Amino acid sequence: MDKKTVPFKILIWAIVAIAVLFLFQPEIANLLNNSKEVNVFGTNIKASEK
């Protein structure tokens, strides 16, 4: 019988990504406000039209 283990590497990277989003929230918001279009995972998103 094989024991299934929790993929700790994936869990750690997910926690790091969430922490980065919270730590750099003002910088990310400023970046989105200053850009007209953002490419996220191959999808173009219109962020601002100033």
N, C-alpha and C. Protein backbone atom coordinates (compact mmCIF):
# COMPACT_ATOMS: atom_id res chain seq x y z
N MET A 1 0.83 -1.19 0.00
CA MET A 1 0.00 0.00 0.00
C MET A 1 0.88 1.25 0.00
N ASP A 2 0.65 2.13 -0.94
CA ASP A 2 1.43 3.37 -1.02
C ASP A 2 0.74 4.46 -0.21
N LYS A 3 1.53 5.11 0.62
CA LYS A 3 1.00 6.26 1.37
C LYS A 3 1.10 7.50 0.51
N LYS A 4 0.03 8.24 0.44
CA LYS A 4 0.08 9.50 -0.30
C LYS A 4 0.54 10.58 0.65
N THR A 5 1.56 11.32 0.23
CA THR A 5 2.10 12.40 1.06
C THR A 5 1.66 13.74 0.50
N VAL A 6 1.64 14.69 1.37
CA VAL A 6 1.29 16.05 0.97
C VAL A 6 2.46 16.63 0.18
N PRO A 7 2.21 17.21 -0.99
CA PRO A 7 3.31 17.81 -1.78
C PRO A 7 3.77 19.11 -1.13
N PHE A 8 4.73 19.00 -0.22
CA PHE A 8 5.17 20.15 0.56
C PHE A 8 5.81 21.23 -0.29
N LYS A 9 6.48 20.86 -1.37
CA LYS A 9 7.09 21.89 -2.23
C LYS A 9 6.03 22.79 -2.84
N ILE A 10 4.95 22.21 -3.30
CA ILE A 10 3.87 23.00 -3.89
C ILE A 10 3.20 23.86 -2.83
N LEU A 11 3.00 23.29 -1.65
CA LEU A 11 2.38 24.03 -0.56
C LEU A 11 3.23 25.22 -0.13
N ILE A 12 4.53 25.02 -0.04
CA ILE A 12 5.43 26.11 0.35
C ILE A 12 5.41 27.22 -0.70
N TRP A 13 5.45 26.86 -1.99
CA TRP A 13 5.43 27.89 -3.04
C TRP A 13 4.12 28.65 -3.05
N ALA A 14 3.01 27.97 -2.75
CA ALA A 14 1.72 28.67 -2.68
C ALA A 14 1.70 29.67 -1.53
N ILE A 15 2.25 29.28 -0.39
CA ILE A 15 2.31 30.18 0.77
C ILE A 15 3.22 31.36 0.47
N VAL A 16 4.34 31.13 -0.19
CA VAL A 16 5.26 32.20 -0.56
C VAL A 16 4.58 33.17 -1.53
N ALA A 17 3.84 32.64 -2.50
CA ALA A 17 3.16 33.50 -3.47
C ALA A 17 2.11 34.38 -2.79
N ILE A 18 1.36 33.81 -1.87
CA ILE A 18 0.35 34.59 -1.14
C ILE A 18 1.01 35.65 -0.27
N ALA A 19 2.12 35.31 0.38
CA ALA A 19 2.83 36.28 1.21
C ALA A 19 3.37 37.42 0.37
N VAL A 20 3.89 37.12 -0.81
CA VAL A 20 4.41 38.17 -1.70
C VAL A 20 3.28 39.09 -2.15
N LEU A 21 2.12 38.52 -2.45
CA LEU A 21 0.99 39.36 -2.85
C LEU A 21 0.58 40.31 -1.74
N PHE A 22 0.59 39.85 -0.50
CA PHE A 22 0.23 40.73 0.61
C PHE A 22 1.32 41.75 0.93
N LEU A 23 2.58 41.35 0.84
CA LEU A 23 3.67 42.26 1.16
C LEU A 23 3.82 43.37 0.12
N PHE A 24 3.63 43.03 -1.15
CA PHE A 24 3.84 43.99 -2.22
C PHE A 24 2.52 44.49 -2.82
N GLN A 25 1.46 44.47 -2.04
CA GLN A 25 0.15 44.89 -2.52
C GLN A 25 0.14 46.34 -3.03
N PRO A 26 0.73 47.31 -2.33
CA PRO A 26 0.73 48.69 -2.87
C PRO A 26 1.50 48.82 -4.18
N GLU A 27 2.63 48.12 -4.29
CA GLU A 27 3.42 48.19 -5.52
C GLU A 27 2.68 47.55 -6.68
N ILE A 28 2.01 46.43 -6.43
CA ILE A 28 1.25 45.77 -7.48
C ILE A 28 0.08 46.64 -7.92
N ALA A 29 -0.60 47.28 -6.98
CA ALA A 29 -1.71 48.16 -7.31
C ALA A 29 -1.22 49.34 -8.14
N ASN A 30 -0.07 49.91 -7.77
CA ASN A 30 0.50 51.03 -8.53
C ASN A 30 0.89 50.59 -9.94
N LEU A 31 1.44 49.40 -10.06
CA LEU A 31 1.81 48.87 -11.37
C LEU A 31 0.59 48.69 -12.25
N LEU A 32 -0.51 48.17 -11.68
CA LEU A 32 -1.73 47.98 -12.46
C LEU A 32 -2.37 49.31 -12.85
N ASN A 33 -2.28 50.31 -11.98
CA ASN A 33 -2.85 51.61 -12.29
C ASN A 33 -2.09 52.31 -13.41
N ASN A 34 -0.79 52.07 -13.50
CA ASN A 34 0.04 52.74 -14.50
C ASN A 34 0.08 52.00 -15.84
N SER A 35 -0.46 50.80 -15.90
CA SER A 35 -0.39 50.04 -17.15
C SER A 35 -1.76 50.02 -17.83
N LYS A 36 -1.73 49.95 -19.14
CA LYS A 36 -2.97 49.92 -19.91
C LYS A 36 -3.47 48.49 -20.10
N GLU A 37 -2.54 47.56 -20.24
CA GLU A 37 -2.91 46.18 -20.50
C GLU A 37 -1.92 45.26 -19.79
N VAL A 38 -2.44 44.20 -19.18
CA VAL A 38 -1.60 43.27 -18.43
C VAL A 38 -1.78 41.88 -19.02
N ASN A 39 -0.67 41.15 -19.17
CA ASN A 39 -0.72 39.79 -19.68
C ASN A 39 -0.51 38.84 -18.50
N VAL A 40 -1.55 38.08 -18.15
CA VAL A 40 -1.49 37.14 -17.03
C VAL A 40 -1.73 35.74 -17.57
N PHE A 41 -0.73 34.90 -17.50
CA PHE A 41 -0.81 33.51 -17.95
C PHE A 41 -1.34 33.41 -19.39
N GLY A 42 -0.90 34.35 -20.23
CA GLY A 42 -1.28 34.31 -21.64
C GLY A 42 -2.61 34.99 -21.94
N THR A 43 -3.24 35.56 -20.93
CA THR A 43 -4.52 36.25 -21.13
C THR A 43 -4.32 37.74 -20.96
N ASN A 44 -4.71 38.52 -21.96
CA ASN A 44 -4.57 39.97 -21.89
C ASN A 44 -5.76 40.57 -21.14
N ILE A 45 -5.46 41.41 -20.15
CA ILE A 45 -6.48 42.06 -19.35
C ILE A 45 -6.27 43.56 -19.43
N LYS A 46 -7.31 44.31 -19.78
CA LYS A 46 -7.23 45.76 -19.81
C LYS A 46 -7.36 46.25 -18.37
N ALA A 47 -6.33 46.93 -17.87
CA ALA A 47 -6.30 47.35 -16.48
C ALA A 47 -6.74 48.79 -16.30
N SER A 48 -6.27 49.69 -17.16
CA SER A 48 -6.58 51.10 -17.00
C SER A 48 -6.56 51.76 -18.37
N GLU A 49 -7.40 52.75 -18.52
CA GLU A 49 -7.48 53.47 -19.81
C GLU A 49 -7.25 54.95 -19.62
N LYS A 50 -6.40 55.36 -18.70
CA LYS A 50 -6.17 56.78 -18.42
C LYS A 50 -5.43 57.44 -19.55
